[in-house]
């Protein structure tokens, strides 16, 4: 069994959460730059409908798509993996264990 063969429903929920985070961040950057979805479509060389698909979060947001959006906006994409907080009964395998390995712990 591979590492990605875990519970598919959990994976789908996690994917939806990541897509929401990405599209919310993108919407914020567009607003901050004073740009519209139409402006983004022109900069990317795609249809406004494609930008709507990206912004809806329904589309499978590939790394290539995120990179294309970032390039069109002259922006960077940051992807950060953060350990989830562990229950107090986990025996000390939470973020402090990760911190001790040299990886930054984010909350």
N, C-alpha and C. Protein backbone atom coordinates (compact mmCIF):
# COMPACT_ATOMS: atom_id res chain seq x y z
N UNK A 1 0.84 -1.18 0.00
CA UNK A 1 0.00 0.00 0.00
C UNK A 1 0.89 1.24 0.00
N UNK A 2 0.63 2.17 -0.91
CA UNK A 2 1.42 3.39 -1.01
C UNK A 2 1.00 4.41 0.03
N UNK A 3 1.79 5.45 0.15
CA UNK A 3 1.49 6.47 1.16
C UNK A 3 0.25 7.26 0.81
N UNK A 4 -0.18 7.25 -0.45
CA UNK A 4 -1.36 8.01 -0.85
C UNK A 4 -2.62 7.16 -0.88
N UNK A 5 -2.54 5.93 -0.42
CA UNK A 5 -3.68 5.03 -0.46
C UNK A 5 -4.53 5.11 0.81
N UNK A 6 -4.34 6.17 1.59
CA UNK A 6 -5.13 6.35 2.80
C UNK A 6 -6.58 6.58 2.45
N UNK A 7 -7.35 6.87 3.40
CA UNK A 7 -8.78 7.11 3.28
C UNK A 7 -9.07 8.16 2.20
N UNK A 8 -9.71 7.74 1.10
CA UNK A 8 -9.99 8.63 -0.02
C UNK A 8 -10.87 9.81 0.37
N UNK A 9 -11.84 9.61 1.25
CA UNK A 9 -12.72 10.72 1.62
C UNK A 9 -11.93 11.79 2.38
N UNK A 10 -10.98 11.38 3.20
CA UNK A 10 -10.13 12.35 3.90
C UNK A 10 -9.27 13.11 2.90
N UNK A 11 -8.79 12.40 1.89
CA UNK A 11 -7.96 13.04 0.87
C UNK A 11 -8.79 14.05 0.08
N UNK A 12 -10.01 13.70 -0.25
CA UNK A 12 -10.89 14.62 -0.99
C UNK A 12 -11.18 15.87 -0.16
N UNK A 13 -11.44 15.69 1.12
CA UNK A 13 -11.68 16.84 1.99
C UNK A 13 -10.44 17.73 2.10
N UNK A 14 -9.29 17.10 2.21
CA UNK A 14 -8.04 17.87 2.28
C UNK A 14 -7.79 18.61 0.98
N UNK A 15 -8.08 17.98 -0.15
CA UNK A 15 -7.89 18.63 -1.45
C UNK A 15 -8.82 19.83 -1.58
N UNK A 16 -10.04 19.69 -1.14
CA UNK A 16 -10.99 20.81 -1.19
C UNK A 16 -10.52 21.96 -0.31
N UNK A 17 -9.96 21.64 0.86
CA UNK A 17 -9.45 22.66 1.77
C UNK A 17 -8.28 23.41 1.14
N UNK A 18 -7.37 22.68 0.50
CA UNK A 18 -6.23 23.31 -0.16
C UNK A 18 -6.69 24.20 -1.30
N UNK A 19 -7.66 23.72 -2.09
CA UNK A 19 -8.19 24.52 -3.20
C UNK A 19 -8.83 25.80 -2.69
N UNK A 20 -9.59 25.72 -1.58
CA UNK A 20 -10.21 26.92 -1.00
C UNK A 20 -9.15 27.91 -0.54
N UNK A 21 -8.10 27.40 0.07
CA UNK A 21 -7.02 28.27 0.54
C UNK A 21 -6.35 28.96 -0.65
N UNK A 22 -6.09 28.21 -1.70
CA UNK A 22 -5.43 28.77 -2.88
C UNK A 22 -6.29 29.83 -3.55
N UNK A 23 -7.57 29.54 -3.73
CA UNK A 23 -8.43 30.50 -4.42
C UNK A 23 -8.71 31.73 -3.56
N UNK A 24 -8.80 31.55 -2.25
CA UNK A 24 -8.97 32.71 -1.37
C UNK A 24 -7.73 33.59 -1.41
N UNK A 25 -6.56 32.98 -1.41
CA UNK A 25 -5.32 33.74 -1.49
C UNK A 25 -5.23 34.46 -2.83
N UNK A 26 -5.59 33.77 -3.91
CA UNK A 26 -5.56 34.38 -5.23
C UNK A 26 -6.52 35.56 -5.30
N UNK A 27 -7.72 35.40 -4.77
CA UNK A 27 -8.69 36.49 -4.77
C UNK A 27 -8.13 37.70 -4.01
N UNK A 28 -7.47 37.45 -2.91
CA UNK A 28 -6.87 38.53 -2.14
C UNK A 28 -5.77 39.25 -2.90
N UNK A 29 -4.95 38.49 -3.61
CA UNK A 29 -3.88 39.10 -4.40
C UNK A 29 -4.47 39.93 -5.53
N UNK A 30 -5.48 39.39 -6.22
CA UNK A 30 -6.13 40.14 -7.29
C UNK A 30 -6.68 41.47 -6.77
N UNK A 31 -7.38 41.41 -5.64
CA UNK A 31 -7.94 42.62 -5.04
C UNK A 31 -6.83 43.60 -4.67
N UNK A 32 -5.79 43.08 -4.06
CA UNK A 32 -4.67 43.94 -3.65
C UNK A 32 -3.98 44.61 -4.82
N UNK A 33 -3.95 43.92 -5.96
CA UNK A 33 -3.33 44.49 -7.16
C UNK A 33 -4.30 45.35 -7.97
N UNK A 34 -5.56 45.36 -7.55
CA UNK A 34 -6.56 46.11 -8.30
C UNK A 34 -6.86 45.50 -9.66
N UNK A 35 -6.73 44.17 -9.74
CA UNK A 35 -6.96 43.47 -11.01
C UNK A 35 -8.24 42.65 -10.93
N UNK A 36 -8.85 42.47 -12.09
CA UNK A 36 -10.07 41.67 -12.19
C UNK A 36 -9.74 40.28 -12.71
N UNK A 37 -10.72 39.41 -12.70
CA UNK A 37 -10.56 38.09 -13.28
C UNK A 37 -10.29 38.21 -14.78
N UNK A 38 -10.91 39.17 -15.40
CA UNK A 38 -10.69 39.41 -16.83
C UNK A 38 -9.23 39.81 -17.09
N UNK A 39 -8.69 40.65 -16.22
CA UNK A 39 -7.28 41.04 -16.33
C UNK A 39 -6.38 39.80 -16.22
N UNK A 40 -6.71 38.92 -15.27
CA UNK A 40 -5.93 37.71 -15.08
C UNK A 40 -6.01 36.82 -16.32
N UNK A 41 -7.20 36.68 -16.86
CA UNK A 41 -7.37 35.85 -18.07
C UNK A 41 -6.50 36.38 -19.21
N UNK A 42 -6.51 37.68 -19.41
CA UNK A 42 -5.68 38.28 -20.47
C UNK A 42 -4.21 38.02 -20.22
N UNK A 43 -3.78 38.21 -18.98
CA UNK A 43 -2.37 38.02 -18.64
C UNK A 43 -1.93 36.57 -18.80
N UNK A 44 -2.86 35.64 -18.56
CA UNK A 44 -2.55 34.21 -18.69
C UNK A 44 -2.71 33.71 -20.12
N UNK A 45 -3.44 34.47 -20.94
CA UNK A 45 -3.70 34.02 -22.29
C UNK A 45 -4.76 32.92 -22.34
N UNK A 46 -5.70 32.98 -21.40
CA UNK A 46 -6.78 31.99 -21.34
C UNK A 46 -8.11 32.72 -21.36
N UNK A 47 -9.18 31.97 -21.48
CA UNK A 47 -10.51 32.57 -21.49
C UNK A 47 -10.92 32.98 -20.07
N UNK A 48 -11.82 33.95 -19.98
CA UNK A 48 -12.36 34.29 -18.65
C UNK A 48 -13.04 33.09 -17.99
N UNK A 49 -13.60 32.20 -18.80
CA UNK A 49 -14.22 30.99 -18.26
C UNK A 49 -13.22 30.10 -17.55
N UNK A 50 -12.01 30.03 -18.10
CA UNK A 50 -10.96 29.21 -17.46
C UNK A 50 -10.58 29.81 -16.11
N UNK A 51 -10.49 31.12 -16.06
CA UNK A 51 -10.18 31.78 -14.78
C UNK A 51 -11.31 31.52 -13.79
N UNK A 52 -12.55 31.53 -14.25
CA UNK A 52 -13.67 31.23 -13.36
C UNK A 52 -13.56 29.81 -12.83
N UNK A 53 -13.14 28.86 -13.68
CA UNK A 53 -12.94 27.48 -13.22
C UNK A 53 -11.87 27.44 -12.14
N UNK A 54 -10.79 28.14 -12.36
CA UNK A 54 -9.69 28.16 -11.38
C UNK A 54 -10.18 28.76 -10.07
N UNK A 55 -10.88 29.88 -10.16
CA UNK A 55 -11.34 30.60 -8.97
C UNK A 55 -12.45 29.87 -8.22
N UNK A 56 -13.17 28.99 -8.90
CA UNK A 56 -14.26 28.26 -8.24
C UNK A 56 -13.74 27.21 -7.29
N UNK A 57 -12.50 26.80 -7.49
CA UNK A 57 -11.94 25.74 -6.66
C UNK A 57 -12.38 24.36 -7.08
N UNK A 58 -13.27 24.28 -8.08
CA UNK A 58 -13.73 22.98 -8.56
C UNK A 58 -12.69 22.33 -9.47
N UNK A 59 -11.93 23.15 -10.16
CA UNK A 59 -10.92 22.61 -11.07
C UNK A 59 -9.80 21.97 -10.25
N UNK A 60 -9.18 20.96 -10.80
CA UNK A 60 -8.03 20.35 -10.16
C UNK A 60 -6.86 21.31 -10.34
N UNK A 61 -6.52 22.04 -9.30
CA UNK A 61 -5.47 23.04 -9.39
C UNK A 61 -4.11 22.37 -9.36
N UNK A 62 -3.53 22.21 -10.52
CA UNK A 62 -2.21 21.59 -10.60
C UNK A 62 -1.14 22.60 -10.24
N UNK A 63 0.04 22.11 -9.96
CA UNK A 63 1.17 22.99 -9.69
C UNK A 63 1.42 23.85 -10.92
N UNK A 64 1.28 23.30 -12.09
CA UNK A 64 1.48 24.05 -13.34
C UNK A 64 0.47 25.21 -13.43
N UNK A 65 -0.78 24.95 -13.09
CA UNK A 65 -1.80 26.01 -13.12
C UNK A 65 -1.46 27.11 -12.11
N UNK A 66 -1.09 26.71 -10.90
CA UNK A 66 -0.72 27.70 -9.89
C UNK A 66 0.48 28.52 -10.34
N UNK A 67 1.45 27.87 -10.97
CA UNK A 67 2.63 28.58 -11.47
C UNK A 67 2.25 29.55 -12.58
N UNK A 68 1.33 29.15 -13.47
CA UNK A 68 0.90 30.03 -14.56
C UNK A 68 0.20 31.26 -14.01
N UNK A 69 -0.63 31.07 -13.00
CA UNK A 69 -1.31 32.21 -12.37
C UNK A 69 -0.27 33.13 -11.74
N UNK A 70 0.67 32.55 -11.02
CA UNK A 70 1.70 33.35 -10.35
C UNK A 70 2.52 34.15 -11.36
N UNK A 71 2.90 33.52 -12.45
CA UNK A 71 3.69 34.22 -13.47
C UNK A 71 2.89 35.36 -14.09
N UNK A 72 1.61 35.12 -14.34
CA UNK A 72 0.76 36.16 -14.93
C UNK A 72 0.62 37.36 -14.01
N UNK A 73 0.69 37.13 -12.71
CA UNK A 73 0.55 38.20 -11.72
C UNK A 73 1.89 38.72 -11.22
N UNK A 74 2.99 38.17 -11.73
CA UNK A 74 4.32 38.49 -11.23
C UNK A 74 4.36 38.30 -9.71
N UNK A 75 3.91 37.12 -9.31
CA UNK A 75 3.82 36.77 -7.89
C UNK A 75 4.51 35.43 -7.67
N UNK A 76 4.66 35.07 -6.43
CA UNK A 76 5.21 33.76 -6.05
C UNK A 76 4.13 32.93 -5.38
N UNK A 77 4.25 31.63 -5.52
CA UNK A 77 3.38 30.68 -4.82
C UNK A 77 4.20 30.08 -3.69
N UNK A 78 3.62 30.02 -2.51
CA UNK A 78 4.28 29.39 -1.38
C UNK A 78 3.42 28.24 -0.90
N UNK A 79 3.99 27.06 -0.88
CA UNK A 79 3.29 25.89 -0.39
C UNK A 79 4.03 25.44 0.86
N UNK A 80 3.32 25.36 1.96
CA UNK A 80 3.93 25.01 3.23
C UNK A 80 3.20 23.83 3.85
N UNK A 81 3.94 22.82 4.22
CA UNK A 81 3.36 21.69 4.94
C UNK A 81 3.59 21.93 6.43
N UNK A 82 2.54 21.83 7.19
CA UNK A 82 2.60 22.08 8.63
C UNK A 82 2.03 20.87 9.36
N UNK A 83 2.72 20.39 10.38
CA UNK A 83 2.15 19.28 11.15
C UNK A 83 0.87 19.72 11.83
N UNK A 84 -0.07 18.82 11.88
CA UNK A 84 -1.33 19.11 12.58
C UNK A 84 -1.10 19.01 14.08
N UNK A 85 -1.80 19.84 14.83
CA UNK A 85 -1.69 19.72 16.29
C UNK A 85 -2.14 18.32 16.72
N UNK A 86 -1.41 17.74 17.66
CA UNK A 86 -1.73 16.41 18.15
C UNK A 86 -2.49 16.51 19.45
N UNK A 87 -3.31 15.50 19.70
CA UNK A 87 -4.05 15.43 20.96
C UNK A 87 -3.06 15.28 22.11
N UNK A 88 -3.45 15.74 23.27
CA UNK A 88 -2.57 15.69 24.45
C UNK A 88 -2.18 14.27 24.81
N UNK A 89 -2.97 13.28 24.41
CA UNK A 89 -2.68 11.89 24.76
C UNK A 89 -1.82 11.20 23.72
N UNK A 90 -1.23 11.95 22.78
CA UNK A 90 -0.48 11.32 21.70
C UNK A 90 0.91 10.86 22.13
N UNK A 91 1.31 11.15 23.33
CA UNK A 91 2.61 10.70 23.80
C UNK A 91 3.76 11.58 23.36
N UNK A 92 3.47 12.84 23.07
CA UNK A 92 4.54 13.77 22.76
C UNK A 92 5.04 13.70 21.33
N UNK A 93 4.24 13.21 20.40
CA UNK A 93 4.71 13.14 19.02
C UNK A 93 4.17 14.29 18.19
N UNK A 94 3.82 15.39 18.83
CA UNK A 94 3.24 16.52 18.13
C UNK A 94 4.28 17.43 17.54
N UNK A 95 3.94 18.70 17.44
CA UNK A 95 4.78 19.69 16.78
C UNK A 95 6.15 19.82 17.46
N UNK A 96 6.22 19.61 18.79
CA UNK A 96 7.52 19.75 19.45
C UNK A 96 8.50 18.70 18.97
N UNK A 97 8.02 17.50 18.63
CA UNK A 97 8.91 16.48 18.09
C UNK A 97 9.41 16.90 16.72
N UNK A 98 8.57 17.51 15.94
CA UNK A 98 8.99 17.97 14.62
C UNK A 98 9.98 19.11 14.77
N UNK A 99 9.70 20.01 15.71
CA UNK A 99 10.60 21.14 15.93
C UNK A 99 12.00 20.65 16.27
N UNK A 100 12.11 19.57 17.03
CA UNK A 100 13.42 19.10 17.44
C UNK A 100 14.21 18.49 16.28
N UNK A 101 13.56 18.20 15.16
CA UNK A 101 14.27 17.65 14.01
C UNK A 101 14.84 18.73 13.11
N UNK A 102 14.57 19.99 13.45
CA UNK A 102 15.07 21.07 12.64
C UNK A 102 14.05 21.64 11.68
N UNK A 103 12.87 21.02 11.59
CA UNK A 103 11.81 21.55 10.75
C UNK A 103 11.05 22.58 11.55
N UNK A 104 10.73 23.74 10.94
CA UNK A 104 9.96 24.73 11.70
C UNK A 104 8.55 24.23 11.96
N UNK A 105 8.06 24.50 13.13
CA UNK A 105 6.68 24.13 13.48
C UNK A 105 5.82 25.36 13.29
N UNK A 106 4.74 25.21 12.53
CA UNK A 106 3.81 26.33 12.27
C UNK A 106 2.50 26.02 12.98
N UNK A 107 1.85 27.06 13.42
CA UNK A 107 0.54 26.91 14.04
C UNK A 107 -0.43 27.85 13.40
